[in-house]
Protein backbone atom coordinates (compact mmCIF):
# COMPACT_ATOMS: atom_id res chain seq x y z
CA MET A 1 -5.01 -9.21 -10.59
CA ALA A 2 -7.59 -7.58 -12.95
CA ALA A 3 -5.85 -7.74 -16.68
CA PRO A 4 -2.45 -5.99 -17.64
CA LEU A 5 -2.21 -2.35 -19.58
CA HIS A 6 -0.44 -2.30 -22.61
CA THR A 7 3.26 -0.52 -21.29
CA ALA A 8 5.57 -2.79 -19.62
CA TRP A 9 9.17 -2.82 -18.19
CA PHE A 10 11.62 -5.09 -19.24
CA ASN A 11 15.37 -5.23 -18.58
CA GLY A 12 15.86 -1.41 -19.00
CA SER A 13 13.43 -0.18 -21.47
CA PHE A 14 9.60 0.73 -21.14
CA MET A 15 7.90 -1.64 -24.02
CA PRO A 16 4.65 -2.93 -25.23
CA LEU A 17 3.85 -5.75 -23.07
CA SER A 18 3.13 -7.98 -25.93
CA GLU A 19 7.02 -7.45 -27.10
CA VAL A 20 8.06 -8.59 -23.91
CA ARG A 21 10.17 -11.93 -24.32
CA ILE A 22 11.68 -14.15 -22.01
CA SER A 23 14.37 -16.93 -22.69
CA PRO A 24 12.92 -20.18 -21.61
CA LEU A 25 16.52 -20.53 -19.95
CA ASP A 26 15.37 -17.85 -17.21
CA ARG A 27 15.19 -19.57 -13.86
CA ALA A 28 11.91 -17.93 -12.66
CA PHE A 29 10.74 -20.30 -15.88
CA LEU A 30 12.76 -23.30 -15.06
CA PHE A 31 12.86 -23.41 -11.36
CA GLY A 32 10.81 -20.57 -9.83
CA ASP A 33 13.74 -18.51 -8.62
CA ALA A 34 12.81 -15.13 -8.80
CA VAL A 35 10.65 -12.58 -6.07
CA TYR A 36 7.93 -10.38 -7.07
CA GLU A 37 6.04 -7.35 -5.33
CA VAL A 38 2.75 -5.62 -6.27
CA ILE A 39 2.23 -2.12 -5.24
CA PRO A 40 -0.85 -0.95 -5.25
CA VAL A 41 -1.72 2.84 -6.89
CA TYR A 42 -4.57 5.29 -6.02
CA ALA A 43 -5.26 8.11 -8.03
CA GLY A 44 -2.06 7.39 -9.80
CA GLN A 45 0.16 7.60 -6.67
CA ALA A 46 1.96 4.26 -5.27
CA PHE A 47 0.51 3.31 -1.46
CA LEU A 48 3.08 2.00 0.82
CA LEU A 49 5.77 2.20 -1.60
CA ASP A 50 8.93 2.34 0.82
CA ALA A 51 7.66 -0.98 2.66
CA HIS A 52 6.81 -2.69 -0.65
CA LEU A 53 10.60 -1.45 -1.97
CA ASP A 54 12.04 -2.57 1.55
CA ARG A 55 10.40 -6.07 1.07
CA LEU A 56 11.31 -6.54 -2.28
CA GLU A 57 15.20 -5.39 -1.30
CA ARG A 58 14.86 -7.95 1.74
CA SER A 59 13.47 -10.69 -0.43
CA LEU A 60 16.18 -10.59 -3.08
CA GLN A 61 18.65 -10.04 -0.40
CA GLU A 62 17.32 -13.37 1.41
CA LEU A 63 17.43 -15.34 -2.01
CA GLY A 64 20.74 -13.83 -3.01
CA ILE A 65 19.70 -12.61 -6.45
CA ARG A 66 21.78 -8.96 -6.89
CA ASN A 67 19.48 -5.98 -6.71
CA PRO A 68 20.02 -4.48 -10.20
CA HIS A 69 18.61 -1.00 -9.25
CA ARG A 70 19.17 1.79 -6.34
CA ARG A 71 15.82 2.91 -4.67
CA THR A 72 15.28 5.97 -6.67
CA GLU A 73 15.77 3.75 -10.02
CA TRP A 74 13.10 1.62 -8.66
CA ILE A 75 10.89 4.88 -8.38
CA ASP A 76 11.59 6.24 -11.77
CA ILE A 77 10.54 2.69 -13.18
CA ILE A 78 7.26 2.54 -11.19
CA SER A 79 6.26 5.84 -12.03
CA GLY A 80 7.13 5.30 -15.41
CA LEU A 81 4.50 2.55 -15.55
CA ILE A 82 1.85 4.23 -13.97
CA GLU A 83 2.22 7.21 -15.73
CA GLN A 84 2.47 5.68 -19.02
CA ASN A 85 -0.46 3.15 -18.24
CA GLY A 86 -3.05 5.86 -17.69
CA GLY A 87 -2.92 6.73 -13.64
CA GLY A 88 -5.86 6.41 -11.47
CA ASN A 89 -5.95 3.00 -9.73
CA LEU A 90 -3.73 0.27 -10.59
CA SER A 91 -1.50 -2.04 -9.38
CA VAL A 92 1.98 -2.30 -10.10
CA TYR A 93 3.74 -5.69 -10.48
CA LEU A 94 7.67 -6.02 -10.40
CA GLN A 95 9.35 -9.67 -10.59
CA LEU A 96 13.22 -10.38 -10.57
CA SER A 97 14.87 -13.48 -11.69
CA ARG A 98 18.41 -14.67 -11.11
CA GLY A 99 18.54 -14.25 -15.07
CA ALA A 100 19.03 -16.76 -18.02
CA ASP A 101 22.14 -18.79 -18.10
CA ASN A 102 22.78 -20.56 -21.15
CA ARG A 103 22.10 -24.26 -19.70
CA ARG A 104 19.47 -26.08 -16.93
CA ASP A 105 21.55 -26.27 -13.61
CA HIS A 106 20.32 -25.77 -10.35
CA ALA A 107 24.02 -24.54 -9.53
CA PHE A 108 23.11 -20.93 -9.55
CA PRO A 109 24.50 -19.19 -12.63
CA PRO A 110 27.76 -16.96 -12.98
CA GLU A 111 27.51 -13.65 -11.29
CA SER A 112 28.16 -12.01 -14.92
CA VAL A 113 24.48 -13.33 -15.71
CA PRO A 114 22.47 -10.15 -15.00
CA PRO A 115 18.99 -10.40 -13.17
CA THR A 116 15.58 -10.27 -15.33
CA VAL A 117 13.72 -7.62 -14.42
CA PHE A 118 10.23 -7.41 -15.62
CA GLY A 119 7.23 -4.97 -14.89
CA MET A 120 3.46 -4.34 -15.51
CA ALA A 121 0.95 -2.22 -14.29
CA SER A 122 -3.26 -3.66 -14.71
CA THR A 123 -6.70 -1.94 -13.70
CA MET A 124 -7.42 -2.32 -10.13
CA ALA A 125 -11.35 -2.28 -9.75
CA GLU A 126 -12.93 -1.54 -6.15
CA PRO A 127 -15.01 -3.77 -4.75
CA HIS A 128 -18.74 -2.94 -5.01
CA PRO A 129 -20.53 -1.88 -1.70
CA ASP A 130 -22.88 -5.01 -1.49
CA GLN A 131 -20.33 -7.29 -2.49
CA LEU A 132 -18.15 -6.25 0.97
CA GLY A 133 -16.76 -9.85 2.53
CA LEU A 134 -16.21 -13.31 1.39
CA ARG A 135 -16.68 -16.24 2.55
CA ALA A 136 -13.17 -18.68 3.80
CA ILE A 137 -12.19 -22.34 4.18
CA THR A 138 -9.48 -23.48 6.41
CA LEU A 139 -6.76 -26.32 4.71
CA ALA A 140 -3.43 -27.78 6.16
CA ASP A 141 -0.34 -25.35 5.19
CA GLN A 142 1.80 -27.27 2.98
CA ARG A 143 4.14 -24.46 1.75
CA TRP A 144 7.86 -24.02 1.98
CA ALA A 145 9.52 -23.42 5.03
CA ARG A 146 10.38 -19.66 3.99
CA CYS A 147 7.07 -17.67 3.21
CA ASP A 148 8.83 -14.83 4.53
CA ILE A 149 10.45 -14.69 1.09
CA LYS A 150 7.87 -13.03 -1.36
CA SER A 151 9.06 -15.83 -3.97
CA THR A 152 7.19 -16.67 -7.35
CA ALA A 153 6.85 -20.23 -6.76
CA LEU A 154 3.80 -20.24 -5.64
CA LEU A 155 2.66 -23.60 -6.54
CA ALA A 156 0.89 -24.28 -3.00
CA ASN A 157 -0.45 -21.60 -2.66
CA LEU A 158 -2.35 -21.93 -6.12
CA LEU A 159 -3.53 -25.14 -5.00
CA ALA A 160 -4.68 -23.93 -1.89
CA ARG A 161 -6.91 -21.12 -3.63
CA GLN A 162 -8.23 -23.80 -6.39
CA ALA A 163 -9.57 -25.66 -3.48
CA ALA A 164 -11.38 -22.88 -2.21
CA ARG A 165 -12.76 -21.67 -5.32
CA GLU A 166 -13.96 -24.98 -5.83
CA ALA A 167 -15.62 -25.00 -2.43
CA GLY A 168 -17.37 -21.53 -3.01
CA ALA A 169 -15.40 -19.64 -1.37
CA GLY A 170 -12.87 -16.46 -1.55
CA GLU A 171 -9.91 -17.52 0.05
CA ALA A 172 -7.90 -20.65 1.88
CA ILE A 173 -6.93 -19.60 5.89
CA LEU A 174 -4.17 -21.73 6.06
CA LEU A 175 -3.03 -24.00 9.42
CA ARG A 176 0.10 -25.48 10.52
CA ASP A 177 0.64 -27.35 13.92
CA GLY A 178 -2.50 -26.05 15.34
CA TYR A 179 -2.20 -22.53 14.52
CA LEU A 180 -2.84 -20.14 12.01
CA SER A 181 -0.28 -18.90 9.01
CA GLU A 182 -1.87 -17.24 7.02
CA GLY A 183 -4.45 -16.68 3.35
CA SER A 184 -3.18 -18.61 0.39
CA ALA A 185 -3.06 -14.89 -0.88
CA SER A 186 -3.19 -12.56 1.87
CA SER A 187 -2.63 -11.75 5.37
CA VAL A 188 -4.81 -12.71 8.59
CA ILE A 189 -6.26 -10.78 11.25
CA ILE A 190 -8.85 -11.61 14.05
CA VAL A 191 -10.33 -9.27 16.77
CA GLU A 192 -10.98 -10.44 19.69
CA HIS A 193 -13.06 -8.10 22.40
CA GLY A 194 -12.31 -4.94 20.11
CA VAL A 195 -8.49 -5.93 19.93
CA LEU A 196 -7.05 -6.67 16.57
CA VAL A 197 -4.19 -9.84 16.73
CA ARG A 198 -2.22 -10.88 13.94
CA ARG A 199 0.05 -13.72 13.96
CA PRO A 200 3.97 -12.78 14.81
CA ASP A 201 6.52 -12.01 11.75
CA GLY A 202 8.66 -15.11 10.97
CA PRO A 203 9.95 -17.79 8.41
CA GLU A 204 6.46 -19.12 8.37
CA VAL A 205 4.62 -15.89 7.35
CA LEU A 206 4.95 -13.05 4.67
CA PRO A 207 5.81 -9.91 6.31
CA GLY A 208 2.74 -7.83 5.55
CA THR A 209 2.94 -4.37 4.73
CA THR A 210 -1.01 -3.78 4.08
CA THR A 211 -1.62 -5.60 7.76
CA ALA A 212 1.21 -3.24 9.21
CA ALA A 213 -0.71 0.10 7.66
CA ILE A 214 -3.94 -1.49 8.88
CA PHE A 215 -2.09 -1.63 12.59
CA SER A 216 -1.30 1.92 12.57
CA ALA A 217 -4.73 2.97 11.03
CA ALA A 218 -6.39 1.12 13.98
CA THR A 219 -4.02 2.68 16.89
CA GLY A 220 -4.38 6.13 15.58
CA ILE A 221 -8.28 5.63 16.54
CA GLY A 222 -7.59 4.11 19.98
CA LEU A 223 -7.69 0.49 19.41
CA SER A 224 -5.26 -2.07 20.84
CA CYS A 225 -3.11 -4.06 18.35
CA ARG A 226 -1.12 -7.26 19.33
CA ASP A 227 1.33 -9.84 17.54
CA GLU A 228 0.48 -13.40 18.68
CA MET A 229 0.86 -16.87 17.80
CA ILE A 230 -3.25 -17.86 17.09
CA SER A 231 -4.52 -21.07 17.61
CA GLU A 232 -6.79 -22.80 15.74
CA GLN A 233 -9.65 -22.66 18.62
CA ARG A 234 -8.83 -19.17 18.54
CA LEU A 235 -9.61 -18.21 15.35
CA ARG A 236 -13.14 -19.94 15.18
CA GLN A 237 -14.10 -18.17 18.10
CA ALA A 238 -12.72 -14.76 16.86
CA ASP A 239 -15.51 -11.71 17.13
CA GLU A 240 -14.57 -10.83 13.50
CA ILE A 241 -11.61 -12.43 10.78
CA TRP A 242 -10.23 -10.43 8.07
CA VAL A 243 -7.83 -11.10 4.87
CA ALA A 244 -5.32 -8.37 3.97
CA ALA A 245 -3.65 -7.64 0.89
CA ALA A 246 -1.88 -4.61 -0.81
CA THR A 247 -4.66 -4.74 -4.03
CA ARG A 248 -7.71 -6.24 -2.26
CA GLY A 249 -7.26 -3.39 1.16
CA ILE A 250 -9.20 -5.29 4.19
CA THR A 251 -11.92 -8.01 3.55
CA PRO A 252 -14.20 -9.23 6.37
CA VAL A 253 -14.51 -12.87 6.63
CA LEU A 254 -18.19 -13.47 6.90
CA GLU A 255 -18.41 -17.24 6.94
CA LEU A 256 -15.77 -19.74 7.45
CA ASP A 257 -15.96 -23.34 6.78
CA GLY A 258 -19.62 -23.01 6.86
CA ARG A 259 -20.24 -21.10 9.88
CA LYS A 260 -21.09 -17.69 9.92
CA ILE A 261 -18.59 -15.28 11.54
CA GLY A 262 -20.48 -12.69 14.25
CA ASP A 263 -24.05 -12.55 12.77
CA GLY A 264 -22.69 -13.07 9.00
CA ARG A 265 -22.31 -9.56 8.03
CA PRO A 266 -18.69 -7.15 8.16
CA GLY A 267 -18.29 -6.45 12.12
CA PRO A 268 -18.39 -3.01 13.69
CA VAL A 269 -14.60 -3.12 14.52
CA TRP A 270 -13.93 -3.55 10.32
CA ARG A 271 -16.35 -0.71 9.89
CA GLN A 272 -14.33 1.80 11.88
CA VAL A 273 -10.61 0.45 10.43
CA ALA A 274 -11.76 0.29 6.98
CA ALA A 275 -12.59 3.85 7.23
CA ALA A 276 -9.26 5.13 9.04
CA PHE A 277 -7.42 2.93 6.50
CA GLU A 278 -9.20 4.12 3.73
CA ALA A 279 -7.99 7.73 4.78
CA LEU A 280 -4.22 6.90 4.51
CA LYS A 281 -4.60 6.23 0.69
CA PRO A 282 -3.78 8.70 -1.58
CA HIS A 283 -7.22 10.51 -3.01
CA GLY A 284 -7.47 12.69 -6.06
CA THR A 285 -8.98 13.07 -9.57
CA THR A 286 -8.32 9.58 -11.00
CA HIS A 287 -7.45 9.44 -15.06
């Protein structure tokens, strides 16, 4: 994520980001007992907002963290972060922990302990046209068994991303029991004979708000899309491989484990779908 801007939201108030103070007894700090969501903003308008808030609410429910805000209040918080940080193309980060008790205890604190709510905005740079695409490596998926929850407990993801960086790659694509999971910080789509394929939702993968929009854009231009288990062999033999994330959009993988995908350039199906997906985004004068 790019450098954060100056105004944050913290426990009910907008304030300078530099003034936010979180207790060392907060359960996000001690245990990673928190969830988060990242919402892309284009031309000052949140993109796929309902889908992101749906996923945030689901993550909270799955972990039993009380949701402190109604949907309309979340929208006001996000709108305020956009406005107070200048609009334009941003990413809005929201994080909620189970709160800060007066002691370190694995058991949940009393219900009277309020959740800690933090939000900030960061600039979101558009990729340069000459830098479309990335190299990726494959790694064993060593994460926990509830990857469908967007938890802040991301150590395994961080280790995978660092391994990719040290290999000169932009992403690590994770495999479990011989099948594709997802990327260290992205969803993965493959293209076979013009058909888009992604792994079905389940506890092993995060439900992708961006991939759902990509599939919608693809069907809108007449392409077929499927949810299927993808073996390692299918991944390696795919005509095209893409990674998708809220602030990254759709990025073609040009090389996997040192082997070119197709001719090593963004593929023709990616070009069609990327244009259709781009048309879904809010457009206007940024400021």
